Amino acid sequence: MLDKDCIFCKIIRGEIPSSKVYEDEKMLVFKDIEPKAKVHLLAIPKNHFKLLAEMDEGGAEDLKYILKKIPRIAKENGLENGYRLVINQGDDAGQTVFHLHIHILGGETLGW
């Protein structure tokens, strides 16, 4: 179920434009509008949940599905030399959109 006020849900519904790089019935991947690396993609489930702690069995299956798709999507976006996955959880971690999402970062050597 999508949330009417969530910005990522609005992107999924097509109410807000995005630079999509992949979409299917379970997930959407698009370019981050404030990239932190040469390549910065966001992979989101089409079902809305905010945090891993809120994930039910369906959400867990969606997350598993997304994680299995990411290597191919990363390769198709020039990340053959490696990439970093980040899932921020809550305010202290820097989560700004409360719809679970996975940052896919790469295209350059990443430091800490």
PDB file of N, CA and C in Angstrom:
ATOM      1  N   MET A   1       0.841  -1.177   0.000  1.00  0.00           N
ATOM      2  CA  MET A   1       0.000   0.000   0.000  1.00  0.00           C
ATOM      3  C   MET A   1       0.887   1.241   0.000  1.00  0.00           C
ATOM      4  N   LEU A   2       0.540   2.211  -0.802  1.00  0.00           N
ATOM      5  CA  LEU A   2       1.306   3.446  -0.875  1.00  0.00           C
ATOM      6  C   LEU A   2       0.745   4.478   0.100  1.00  0.00           C
ATOM      7  N   ASP A   3       1.615   5.374   0.545  1.00  0.00           N
ATOM      8  CA  ASP A   3       1.254   6.453   1.464  1.00  0.00           C
ATOM      9  C   ASP A   3       0.962   7.698   0.630  1.00  0.00           C
ATOM     10  N   LYS A   4      -0.137   8.375   0.901  1.00  0.00           N
ATOM     11  CA  LYS A   4      -0.537   9.522   0.075  1.00  0.00           C
ATOM     12  C   LYS A   4       0.411  10.714   0.189  1.00  0.00           C
ATOM     13  N   ASP A   5       1.140  10.828   1.311  1.00  0.00           N
ATOM     14  CA  ASP A   5       2.006  11.982   1.523  1.00  0.00           C
ATOM     15  C   ASP A   5       3.493  11.710   1.291  1.00  0.00           C
ATOM     16  N   CYS A   6       3.864  10.468   1.084  1.00  0.00           N
ATOM     17  CA  CYS A   6       5.269  10.091   0.922  1.00  0.00           C
ATOM     18  C   CYS A   6       5.779  10.500  -0.466  1.00  0.00           C
ATOM     19  N   ILE A   7       6.914  11.198  -0.494  1.00  0.00           N
ATOM     20  CA  ILE A   7       7.474  11.662  -1.764  1.00  0.00           C
ATOM     21  C   ILE A   7       7.838  10.488  -2.686  1.00  0.00           C
ATOM     22  N   PHE A   8       8.361   9.390  -2.129  1.00  0.00           N
ATOM     23  CA  PHE A   8       8.711   8.242  -2.967  1.00  0.00           C
ATOM     24  C   PHE A   8       7.449   7.557  -3.491  1.00  0.00           C
ATOM     25  N   CYS A   9       6.394   7.517  -2.703  1.00  0.00           N
ATOM     26  CA  CYS A   9       5.125   6.957  -3.189  1.00  0.00           C
ATOM     27  C   CYS A   9       4.574   7.816  -4.325  1.00  0.00           C
ATOM     28  N   LYS A  10       4.751   9.127  -4.222  1.00  0.00           N
ATOM     29  CA  LYS A  10       4.321  10.029  -5.296  1.00  0.00           C
ATOM     30  C   LYS A  10       5.135   9.788  -6.563  1.00  0.00           C
ATOM     31  N   ILE A  11       6.430   9.483  -6.418  1.00  0.00           N
ATOM     32  CA  ILE A  11       7.265   9.153  -7.571  1.00  0.00           C
ATOM     33  C   ILE A  11       6.771   7.846  -8.190  1.00  0.00           C
ATOM     34  N   ILE A  12       6.476   6.848  -7.366  1.00  0.00           N
ATOM     35  CA  ILE A  12       5.967   5.569  -7.865  1.00  0.00           C
ATOM     36  C   ILE A  12       4.675   5.775  -8.652  1.00  0.00           C
ATOM     37  N   ARG A  13       3.784   6.621  -8.142  1.00  0.00           N
ATOM     38  CA  ARG A  13       2.500   6.888  -8.818  1.00  0.00           C
ATOM     39  C   ARG A  13       2.651   7.787 -10.047  1.00  0.00           C
ATOM     40  N   GLY A  14       3.830   8.364 -10.256  1.00  0.00           N
ATOM     41  CA  GLY A  14       4.052   9.239 -11.401  1.00  0.00           C
ATOM     42  C   GLY A  14       3.633  10.673 -11.157  1.00  0.00           C
ATOM     43  N   GLU A  15       3.350  11.037  -9.920  1.00  0.00           N
ATOM     44  CA  GLU A  15       2.945  12.403  -9.585  1.00  0.00           C
ATOM     45  C   GLU A  15       4.132  13.356  -9.538  1.00  0.00           C
ATOM     46  N   ILE A  16       5.309  12.805  -9.266  1.00  0.00           N
ATOM     47  CA  ILE A  16       6.554  13.576  -9.244  1.00  0.00           C
ATOM     48  C   ILE A  16       7.500  12.895 -10.227  1.00  0.00           C
ATOM     49  N   PRO A  17       8.111  13.667 -11.149  1.00  0.00           N
ATOM     50  CA  PRO A  17       9.016  13.044 -12.116  1.00  0.00           C
ATOM     51  C   PRO A  17      10.314  12.570 -11.458  1.00  0.00           C
ATOM     52  N   SER A  18      10.915  11.560 -12.078  1.00  0.00           N
ATOM     53  CA  SER A  18      12.214  11.066 -11.626  1.00  0.00           C
ATOM     54  C   SER A  18      12.986  10.573 -12.844  1.00  0.00           C
ATOM     55  N   SER A  19      14.279  10.417 -12.667  1.00  0.00           N
ATOM     56  CA  SER A  19      15.132   9.858 -13.717  1.00  0.00           C
ATOM     57  C   SER A  19      15.230   8.357 -13.476  1.00  0.00           C
ATOM     58  N   LYS A  20      14.244   7.626 -13.967  1.00  0.00           N
ATOM     59  CA  LYS A  20      14.173   6.181 -13.753  1.00  0.00           C
ATOM     60  C   LYS A  20      15.244   5.456 -14.549  1.00  0.00           C
ATOM     61  N   VAL A  21      15.859   4.467 -13.898  1.00  0.00           N
ATOM     62  CA  VAL A  21      16.803   3.605 -14.607  1.00  0.00           C
ATOM     63  C   VAL A  21      16.300   2.166 -14.670  1.00  0.00           C
ATOM     64  N   TYR A  22      15.329   1.819 -13.798  1.00  0.00           N
ATOM     65  CA  TYR A  22      14.744   0.481 -13.819  1.00  0.00           C
ATOM     66  C   TYR A  22      13.404   0.523 -13.095  1.00  0.00           C
ATOM     67  N   GLU A  23      12.447  -0.249 -13.612  1.00  0.00           N
ATOM     68  CA  GLU A  23      11.164  -0.373 -12.938  1.00  0.00           C
ATOM     69  C   GLU A  23      10.534  -1.702 -13.310  1.00  0.00           C
ATOM     70  N   ASP A  24       9.930  -2.338 -12.322  1.00  0.00           N
ATOM     71  CA  ASP A  24       9.101  -3.513 -12.557  1.00  0.00           C
ATOM     72  C   ASP A  24       7.951  -3.480 -11.554  1.00  0.00           C
ATOM     73  N   GLU A  25       7.233  -4.570 -11.419  1.00  0.00           N
ATOM     74  CA  GLU A  25       6.045  -4.584 -10.566  1.00  0.00           C
ATOM     75  C   GLU A  25       6.357  -4.459  -9.074  1.00  0.00           C
ATOM     76  N   LYS A  26       7.596  -4.723  -8.659  1.00  0.00           N
ATOM     77  CA  LYS A  26       7.944  -4.716  -7.237  1.00  0.00           C
ATOM     78  C   LYS A  26       8.845  -3.572  -6.811  1.00  0.00           C
ATOM     79  N   MET A  27       9.547  -2.957  -7.759  1.00  0.00           N
ATOM     80  CA  MET A  27      10.561  -1.974  -7.381  1.00  0.00           C
ATOM     81  C   MET A  27      10.744  -0.892  -8.432  1.00  0.00           C
ATOM     82  N   LEU A  28      11.369   0.190  -7.987  1.00  0.00           N
ATOM     83  CA  LEU A  28      11.727   1.300  -8.857  1.00  0.00           C
ATOM     84  C   LEU A  28      13.136   1.733  -8.484  1.00  0.00           C
ATOM     85  N   VAL A  29      13.954   2.024  -9.489  1.00  0.00           N
ATOM     86  CA  VAL A  29      15.303   2.548  -9.268  1.00  0.00           C
ATOM     87  C   VAL A  29      15.419   3.837 -10.077  1.00  0.00           C
ATOM     88  N   PHE A  30      15.875   4.889  -9.406  1.00  0.00           N
ATOM     89  CA  PHE A  30      16.013   6.177 -10.080  1.00  0.00           C
ATOM     90  C   PHE A  30      17.239   6.903  -9.543  1.00  0.00           C
ATOM     91  N   LYS A  31      17.676   7.921 -10.288  1.00  0.00           N
ATOM     92  CA  LYS A  31      18.855   8.698  -9.906  1.00  0.00           C
ATOM     93  C   LYS A  31      18.507   9.632  -8.753  1.00  0.00           C
ATOM     94  N   ASP A  32      19.406   9.686  -7.766  1.00  0.00           N
ATOM     95  CA  ASP A  32      19.237  10.593  -6.631  1.00  0.00           C
ATOM     96  C   ASP A  32      19.399  12.033  -7.122  1.00  0.00           C
ATOM     97  N   ILE A  33      18.534  12.931  -6.655  1.00  0.00           N
ATOM     98  CA  ILE A  33      18.617  14.330  -7.106  1.00  0.00           C
ATOM     99  C   ILE A  33      19.739  15.101  -6.402  1.00  0.00           C
ATOM    100  N   GLU A  34      20.296  14.533  -5.323  1.00  0.00           N
ATOM    101  CA  GLU A  34      21.447  15.135  -4.641  1.00  0.00           C
ATOM    102  C   GLU A  34      22.547  14.077  -4.522  1.00  0.00           C
ATOM    103  N   PRO A  35      23.189  13.720  -5.651  1.00  0.00           N
ATOM    104  CA  PRO A  35      24.137  12.602  -5.646  1.00  0.00           C
ATOM    105  C   PRO A  35      25.334  12.833  -4.732  1.00  0.00           C
ATOM    106  N   LYS A  36      25.730  11.752  -4.066  1.00  0.00           N
ATOM    107  CA  LYS A  36      26.905  11.750  -3.191  1.00  0.00           C
ATOM    108  C   LYS A  36      28.065  10.994  -3.829  1.00  0.00           C
ATOM    109  N   ALA A  37      27.887  10.553  -5.071  1.00  0.00           N
ATOM    110  CA  ALA A  37      28.929   9.867  -5.839  1.00  0.00           C
ATOM    111  C   ALA A  37      28.618  10.099  -7.314  1.00  0.00           C
ATOM    112  N   LYS A  38      29.575   9.747  -8.189  1.00  0.00           N
ATOM    113  CA  LYS A  38      29.340   9.916  -9.629  1.00  0.00           C
ATOM    114  C   LYS A  38      28.071   9.204 -10.059  1.00  0.00           C
ATOM    115  N   VAL A  39      27.855   8.013  -9.528  1.00  0.00           N
ATOM    116  CA  VAL A  39      26.606   7.289  -9.749  1.00  0.00           C
ATOM    117  C   VAL A  39      25.944   7.141  -8.389  1.00  0.00           C
ATOM    118  N   HIS A  40      24.733   7.650  -8.270  1.00  0.00           N
ATOM    119  CA  HIS A  40      23.977   7.551  -7.013  1.00  0.00           C
ATOM    120  C   HIS A  40      22.534   7.257  -7.375  1.00  0.00           C
ATOM    121  N   LEU A  41      22.164   5.996  -7.181  1.00  0.00           N
ATOM    122  CA  LEU A  41      20.816   5.534  -7.486  1.00  0.00           C
ATOM    123  C   LEU A  41      20.088   5.202  -6.198  1.00  0.00           C
ATOM    124  N   LEU A  42      18.770   5.264  -6.255  1.00  0.00           N
ATOM    125  CA  LEU A  42      17.930   4.844  -5.137  1.00  0.00           C
ATOM    126  C   LEU A  42      17.045   3.708  -5.604  1.00  0.00           C
ATOM    127  N   ALA A  43      17.071   2.605  -4.881  1.00  0.00           N
ATOM    128  CA  ALA A  43      16.206   1.463  -5.161  1.00  0.00           C
ATOM    129  C   ALA A  43      15.135   1.431  -4.079  1.00  0.00           C
ATOM    130  N   ILE A  44      13.872   1.444  -4.505  1.00  0.00           N
ATOM    131  CA  ILE A  44      12.780   1.480  -3.531  1.00  0.00           C
ATOM    132  C   ILE A  44      11.760   0.392  -3.836  1.00  0.00           C
ATOM    133  N   PRO A  45      11.208  -0.205  -2.787  1.00  0.00           N
ATOM    134  CA  PRO A  45      10.100  -1.131  -3.003  1.00  0.00           C
ATOM    135  C   PRO A  45       8.844  -0.349  -3.347  1.00  0.00           C
ATOM    136  N   LYS A  46       7.968  -0.930  -4.125  1.00  0.00           N
ATOM    137  CA  LYS A  46       6.719  -0.253  -4.468  1.00  0.00           C
ATOM    138  C   LYS A  46       5.697  -0.318  -3.339  1.00  0.00           C
ATOM    139  N   ASN A  47       5.929  -1.161  -2.350  1.00  0.00           N
ATOM    140  CA  ASN A  47       5.097  -1.164  -1.150  1.00  0.00           C
ATOM    141  C   ASN A  47       5.763  -0.265  -0.117  1.00  0.00           C
ATOM    142  N   HIS A  48       4.967   0.572   0.511  1.00  0.00           N
ATOM    143  CA  HIS A  48       5.493   1.544   1.464  1.00  0.00           C
ATOM    144  C   HIS A  48       5.684   0.929   2.850  1.00  0.00           C
ATOM    145  N   PHE A  49       6.890   1.040   3.375  1.00  0.00           N
ATOM    146  CA  PHE A  49       7.163   0.885   4.800  1.00  0.00           C
ATOM    147  C   PHE A  49       8.381   1.734   5.103  1.00  0.00           C
ATOM    148  N   LYS A  50       8.435   2.264   6.308  1.00  0.00           N
ATOM    149  CA  LYS A  50       9.448   3.257   6.653  1.00  0.00           C
ATOM    150  C   LYS A  50      10.788   2.659   7.036  1.00  0.00           C
ATOM    151  N   LEU A  51      10.757   1.634   7.866  1.00  0.00           N
ATOM    152  CA  LEU A  51      11.972   1.106   8.479  1.00  0.00           C
ATOM    153  C   LEU A  51      12.013  -0.407   8.377  1.00  0.00           C
ATOM    154  N   LEU A  52      13.198  -0.966   8.462  1.00  0.00           N
ATOM    155  CA  LEU A  52      13.329  -2.417   8.489  1.00  0.00           C
ATOM    156  C   LEU A  52      12.516  -3.013   9.634  1.00  0.00           C
ATOM    157  N   ALA A  53      12.436  -2.301  10.764  1.00  0.00           N
ATOM    158  CA  ALA A  53      11.692  -2.790  11.924  1.00  0.00           C
ATOM    159  C   ALA A  53      10.197  -2.914  11.641  1.00  0.00           C
ATOM    160  N   GLU A  54       9.693  -2.209  10.639  1.00  0.00           N
ATOM    161  CA  GLU A  54       8.273  -2.261  10.283  1.00  0.00           C
ATOM    162  C   GLU A  54       7.971  -3.303   9.213  1.00  0.00           C
ATOM    163  N   MET A  55       8.991  -3.982   8.734  1.00  0.00           N
ATOM    164  CA  MET A  55       8.865  -4.896   7.614  1.00  0.00           C
ATOM    165  C   MET A  55       8.112  -6.161   8.019  1.00  0.00           C
ATOM    166  N   ASP A  56       7.095  -6.516   7.229  1.00  0.00           N
ATOM    167  CA  ASP A  56       6.408  -7.787   7.420  1.00  0.00           C
ATOM    168  C   ASP A  56       7.000  -8.803   6.440  1.00  0.00           C
ATOM    169  N   GLU A  57       6.414  -9.997   6.363  1.00  0.00           N
ATOM    170  CA  GLU A  57       6.945 -11.029   5.463  1.00  0.00           C
ATOM    171  C   GLU A  57       6.932 -10.573   4.009  1.00  0.00           C
ATOM    172  N   GLY A  58       5.886  -9.860   3.594  1.00  0.00           N
ATOM    173  CA  GLY A  58       5.832  -9.349   2.228  1.00  0.00           C
ATOM    174  C   GLY A  58       6.943  -8.349   1.964  1.00  0.00           C
ATOM    175  N   GLY A  59       7.182  -7.470   2.935  1.00  0.00           N
ATOM    176  CA  GLY A  59       8.266  -6.499   2.803  1.00  0.00           C
ATOM    177  C   GLY A  59       9.618  -7.174   2.744  1.00  0.00           C
ATOM    178  N   ALA A  60       9.786  -8.237   3.536  1.00  0.00           N
ATOM    179  CA  ALA A  60      11.044  -8.987   3.517  1.00  0.00           C
ATOM    180  C   ALA A  60      11.266  -9.642   2.160  1.00  0.00           C
ATOM    181  N   GLU A  61      10.209 -10.169   1.577  1.00  0.00           N
ATOM    182  CA  GLU A  61      10.325 -10.777   0.245  1.00  0.00           C
ATOM    183  C   GLU A  61      10.647  -9.711  -0.799  1.00  0.00           C
ATOM    184  N   ASP A  62      10.030  -8.532  -0.677  1.00  0.00           N
ATOM    185  CA  ASP A  62      10.333  -7.433  -1.604  1.00  0.00           C
ATOM    186  C   ASP A  62      11.790  -7.011  -1.475  1.00  0.00           C
ATOM    187  N   LEU A  63      12.285  -6.907  -0.248  1.00  0.00           N
ATOM    188  CA  LEU A  63      13.675  -6.506  -0.032  1.00  0.00           C
ATOM    189  C   LEU A  63      14.630  -7.551  -0.605  1.00  0.00           C
ATOM    190  N   LYS A  64      14.333  -8.813  -0.387  1.00  0.00           N
ATOM    191  CA  LYS A  64      15.141  -9.894  -0.965  1.00  0.00           C
ATOM    192  C   LYS A  64      15.166  -9.777  -2.487  1.00  0.00           C
ATOM    193  N   TYR A  65      14.017  -9.542  -3.090  1.00  0.00           N
ATOM    194  CA  TYR A  65      13.892  -9.392  -4.532  1.00  0.00           C
ATOM    195  C   TYR A  65      14.772  -8.232  -5.024  1.00  0.00           C
ATOM    196  N   ILE A  66      14.687  -7.095  -4.339  1.00  0.00           N
ATOM    197  CA  ILE A  66      15.466  -5.914  -4.718  1.00  0.00           C
ATOM    198  C   ILE A  66      16.965  -6.211  -4.626  1.00  0.00           C
ATOM    199  N   LEU A  67      17.378  -6.826  -3.527  1.00  0.00           N
ATOM    200  CA  LEU A  67      18.801  -7.126  -3.349  1.00  0.00           C
ATOM    201  C   LEU A  67      19.325  -8.074  -4.421  1.00  0.00           C
ATOM    202  N   LYS A  68      18.488  -8.974  -4.885  1.00  0.00           N
ATOM    203  CA  LYS A  68      18.906  -9.886  -5.961  1.00  0.00           C
ATOM    204  C   LYS A  68      18.996  -9.163  -7.301  1.00  0.00           C
ATOM    205  N   LYS A  69      18.214  -8.117  -7.516  1.00  0.00           N
ATOM    206  CA  LYS A  69      18.232  -7.361  -8.773  1.00  0.00           C
ATOM    207  C   LYS A  69      19.361  -6.338  -8.846  1.00  0.00           C
ATOM    208  N   ILE A  70      19.804  -5.841  -7.698  1.00  0.00           N
ATOM    209  CA  ILE A  70      20.782  -4.749  -7.687  1.00  0.00           C
ATOM    210  C   ILE A  70      22.065  -5.058  -8.451  1.00  0.00           C
ATOM    211  N   PRO A  71      22.676  -6.236  -8.355  1.00  0.00           N
ATOM    212  CA  PRO A  71      23.923  -6.453  -9.118  1.00  0.00           C
ATOM    213  C   PRO A  71      23.771  -6.211 -10.620  1.00  0.00           C
ATOM    214  N   ARG A  72      22.680  -6.659 -11.200  1.00  0.00           N
ATOM    215  CA  ARG A  72      22.473  -6.439 -12.635  1.00  0.00           C
ATOM    216  C   ARG A  72      22.245  -4.955 -12.935  1.00  0.00           C
ATOM    217  N   ILE A  73      21.446  -4.298 -12.110  1.00  0.00           N
ATOM    218  CA  ILE A  73      21.174  -2.871 -12.300  1.00  0.00           C
ATOM    219  C   ILE A  73      22.469  -2.069 -12.146  1.00  0.00           C
ATOM    220  N   ALA A  74      23.287  -2.436 -11.162  1.00  0.00           N
ATOM    221  CA  ALA A  74      24.569  -1.751 -10.960  1.00  0.00           C
ATOM    222  C   ALA A  74      25.460  -1.909 -12.193  1.00  0.00           C
ATOM    223  N   LYS A  75      25.563  -3.115 -12.701  1.00  0.00           N
ATOM    224  CA  LYS A  75      26.379  -3.359 -13.883  1.00  0.00           C
ATOM    225  C   LYS A  75      25.873  -2.552 -15.078  1.00  0.00           C
ATOM    226  N   GLU A  76      24.561  -2.519 -15.268  1.00  0.00           N
ATOM    227  CA  GLU A  76      23.974  -1.766 -16.383  1.00  0.00           C
ATOM    228  C   GLU A  76      24.204  -0.260 -16.262  1.00  0.00           C
ATOM    229  N   ASN A  77      24.575   0.199 -15.066  1.00  0.00           N
ATOM    230  CA  ASN A  77      24.812   1.617 -14.833  1.00  0.00           C
ATOM    231  C   ASN A  77      26.285   1.929 -14.613  1.00  0.00           C
ATOM    232  N   GLY A  78      27.156   1.042 -15.120  1.00  0.00           N
ATOM    233  CA  GLY A  78      28.585   1.313 -15.148  1.00  0.00           C
ATOM    234  C   GLY A  78      29.335   1.046 -13.861  1.00  0.00           C
ATOM    235  N   LEU A  79      28.778   0.219 -12.987  1.00  0.00           N
ATOM    236  CA  LEU A  79      29.423  -0.009 -11.702  1.00  0.00           C
ATOM    237  C   LEU A  79      30.116  -1.371 -11.629  1.00  0.00           C
ATOM    238  N   GLU A  80      30.775  -1.748 -12.718  1.00  0.00           N
ATOM    239  CA  GLU A  80      31.472  -3.040 -12.771  1.00  0.00           C
ATOM    240  C   GLU A  80      32.600  -3.138 -11.759  1.00  0.00           C
ATOM    241  N   ASN A  81      33.221  -2.010 -11.386  1.00  0.00           N
ATOM    242  CA  ASN A  81      34.363  -2.027 -10.471  1.00  0.00           C
ATOM    243  C   ASN A  81      33.959  -2.011  -9.008  1.00  0.00           C
ATOM    244  N   GLY A  82      32.667  -2.019  -8.733  1.00  0.00           N
ATOM    245  CA  GLY A  82      32.198  -2.049  -7.359  1.00  0.00           C
ATOM    246  C   GLY A  82      31.226  -0.929  -7.052  1.00  0.00           C
ATOM    247  N   TYR A  83      30.515  -1.102  -5.965  1.00  0.00           N
ATOM    248  CA  TYR A  83      29.526  -0.122  -5.527  1.00  0.00           C
ATOM    249  C   TYR A  83      29.251  -0.340  -4.050  1.00  0.00           C
ATOM    250  N   ARG A  84      28.650   0.649  -3.441  1.00  0.00           N
ATOM    251  CA  ARG A  84      28.290   0.584  -2.025  1.00  0.00           C
ATOM    252  C   ARG A  84      26.777   0.661  -1.902  1.00  0.00           C
ATOM    253  N   LEU A  85      26.223  -0.141  -0.996  1.00  0.00           N
ATOM    254  CA  LEU A  85      24.807  -0.081  -0.669  1.00  0.00           C
ATOM    255  C   LEU A  85      24.666   0.517   0.724  1.00  0.00           C
ATOM    256  N   VAL A  86      23.722   1.451   0.869  1.00  0.00           N
ATOM    257  CA  VAL A  86      23.478   2.092   2.159  1.00  0.00           C
ATOM    258  C   VAL A  86      21.981   2.119   2.406  1.00  0.00           C
ATOM    259  N   ILE A  87      21.579   1.695   3.614  1.00  0.00           N
ATOM    260  CA  ILE A  87      20.189   1.827   4.047  1.00  0.00           C
ATOM    261  C   ILE A  87      20.220   2.607   5.355  1.00  0.00           C
ATOM    262  N   ASN A  88      19.804   3.859   5.315  1.00  0.00           N
ATOM    263  CA  ASN A  88      19.737   4.678   6.518  1.00  0.00           C
ATOM    264  C   ASN A  88      18.440   4.360   7.258  1.00  0.00           C
ATOM    265  N   GLN A  89      18.523   4.282   8.579  1.00  0.00           N
ATOM    266  CA  GLN A  89      17.376   3.936   9.412  1.00  0.00           C
ATOM    267  C   GLN A  89      17.194   4.967  10.509  1.00  0.00           C
ATOM    268  N   GLY A  90      16.266   5.878  10.319  1.00  0.00           N
ATOM    269  CA  GLY A  90      15.939   6.865  11.348  1.00  0.00           C
ATOM    270  C   GLY A  90      16.715   8.160  11.233  1.00  0.00           C
ATOM    271  N   ASP A  91      16.297   9.111  12.063  1.00  0.00           N
ATOM    272  CA  ASP A  91      16.865  10.462  12.045  1.00  0.00           C
ATOM    273  C   ASP A  91      18.368  10.480  12.284  1.00  0.00           C
ATOM    274  N   ASP A  92      18.846   9.747  13.291  1.00  0.00           N
ATOM    275  CA  ASP A  92      20.272   9.776  13.622  1.00  0.00           C
ATOM    276  C   ASP A  92      21.137   9.222  12.500  1.00  0.00           C
ATOM    277  N   ALA A  93      20.578   8.373  11.663  1.00  0.00           N
ATOM    278  CA  ALA A  93      21.324   7.806  10.535  1.00  0.00           C
ATOM    279  C   ALA A  93      21.261   8.697   9.306  1.00  0.00           C
ATOM    280  N   GLY A  94      20.460   9.743   9.361  1.00  0.00           N
ATOM    281  CA  GLY A  94      20.348  10.651   8.225  1.00  0.00           C
ATOM    282  C   GLY A  94      19.227  10.309   7.260  1.00  0.00           C
ATOM    283  N   GLN A  95      18.300   9.454   7.677  1.00  0.00           N
ATOM    284  CA  GLN A  95      17.169   9.133   6.796  1.00  0.00           C
ATOM    285  C   GLN A  95      16.285  10.370   6.684  1.00  0.00           C
ATOM    286  N   THR A  96      16.082  10.837   5.455  1.00  0.00           N
ATOM    287  CA  THR A  96      15.272  12.037   5.246  1.00  0.00           C
ATOM    288  C   THR A  96      13.926  11.731   4.603  1.00  0.00           C
ATOM    289  N   VAL A  97      13.829  10.623   3.893  1.00  0.00           N
ATOM    290  CA  VAL A  97      12.554  10.178   3.327  1.00  0.00           C
ATOM    291  C   VAL A  97      12.207   8.863   4.013  1.00  0.00           C
ATOM    292  N   PHE A  98      11.069   8.838   4.670  1.00  0.00           N
ATOM    293  CA  PHE A  98      10.696   7.671   5.459  1.00  0.00           C
ATOM    294  C   PHE A  98       9.861   6.685   4.647  1.00  0.00           C
ATOM    295  N   HIS A  99      10.515   6.182   3.614  1.00  0.00           N
ATOM    296  CA  HIS A  99      10.078   5.060   2.772  1.00  0.00           C
ATOM    297  C   HIS A  99      11.365   4.285   2.581  1.00  0.00           C
ATOM    298  N   LEU A 100      11.404   3.041   3.011  1.00  0.00           N
ATOM    299  CA  LEU A 100      12.649   2.281   2.933  1.00  0.00           C
ATOM    300  C   LEU A 100      13.262   2.422   1.540  1.00  0.00           C
ATOM    301  N   HIS A 101      14.539   2.738   1.485  1.00  0.00           N
ATOM    302  CA  HIS A 101      15.238   2.855   0.215  1.00  0.00           C
ATOM    303  C   HIS A 101      16.700   2.469   0.389  1.00  0.00           C
ATOM    304  N   ILE A 102      17.264   1.984  -0.699  1.00  0.00           N
ATOM    305  CA  ILE A 102      18.658   1.546  -0.715  1.00  0.00           C
ATOM    306  C   ILE A 102      19.427   2.473  -1.650  1.00  0.00           C
ATOM    307  N   HIS A 103      20.445   3.118  -1.112  1.00  0.00           N
ATOM    308  CA  HIS A 103      21.335   3.943  -1.926  1.00  0.00           C
ATOM    309  C   HIS A 103      22.328   3.008  -2.608  1.00  0.00           C
ATOM    310  N   ILE A 104      22.522   3.186  -3.899  1.00  0.00           N
ATOM    311  CA  ILE A 104      23.528   2.463  -4.669  1.00  0.00           C
ATOM    312  C   ILE A 104      24.529   3.516  -5.134  1.00  0.00           C
ATOM    313  N   LEU A 105      25.740   3.466  -4.597  1.00  0.00           N
ATOM    314  CA  LEU A 105      26.743   4.501  -4.843  1.00  0.00           C
ATOM    315  C   LEU A 105      27.962   3.895  -5.521  1.00  0.00           C
ATOM    316  N   GLY A 106      28.516   4.597  -6.502  1.00  0.00           N
ATOM    317  CA  GLY A 106      29.722   4.114  -7.164  1.00  0.00           C
ATOM    318  C   GLY A 106      30.163   5.032  -8.283  1.00  0.00           C
ATOM    319  N   GLY A 107      30.915   4.439  -9.208  1.00  0.00           N
ATOM    320  CA  GLY A 107      31.437   5.207 -10.334  1.00  0.00           C
ATOM    321  C   GLY A 107      32.750   5.887 -10.027  1.00  0.00           C
ATOM    322  N   GLU A 108      33.259   5.687  -8.821  1.00  0.00           N
ATOM    323  CA  GLU A 108      34.514   6.289  -8.381  1.00  0.00           C
ATOM    324  C   GLU A 108      34.960   5.535  -7.127  1.00  0.00           C
ATOM    325  N   THR A 109      36.203   5.772  -6.707  1.00  0.00           N
ATOM    326  CA  THR A 109      36.684   5.183  -5.463  1.00  0.00           C
ATOM    327  C   THR A 109      36.015   5.925  -4.312  1.00  0.00           C
ATOM    328  N   LEU A 110      35.349   5.166  -3.439  1.00  0.00           N
ATOM    329  CA  LEU A 110      34.610   5.766  -2.338  1.00  0.00           C
ATOM    330  C   LEU A 110      35.426   5.688  -1.052  1.00  0.00           C
ATOM    331  N   GLY A 111      35.495   6.795  -0.330  1.00  0.00           N
ATOM    332  CA  GLY A 111      36.150   6.815   0.967  1.00  0.00           C
ATOM    333  C   GLY A 111      35.099   6.745   2.063  1.00  0.00           C
ATOM    334  N   TRP A 112      35.571   6.767   3.287  1.00  0.00           N
ATOM    335  CA  TRP A 112      34.643   6.772   4.429  1.00  0.00           C
ATOM    336  C   TRP A 112      34.586   8.134   4.995  1.00  0.00           C
TER     337      TRP A 112
END
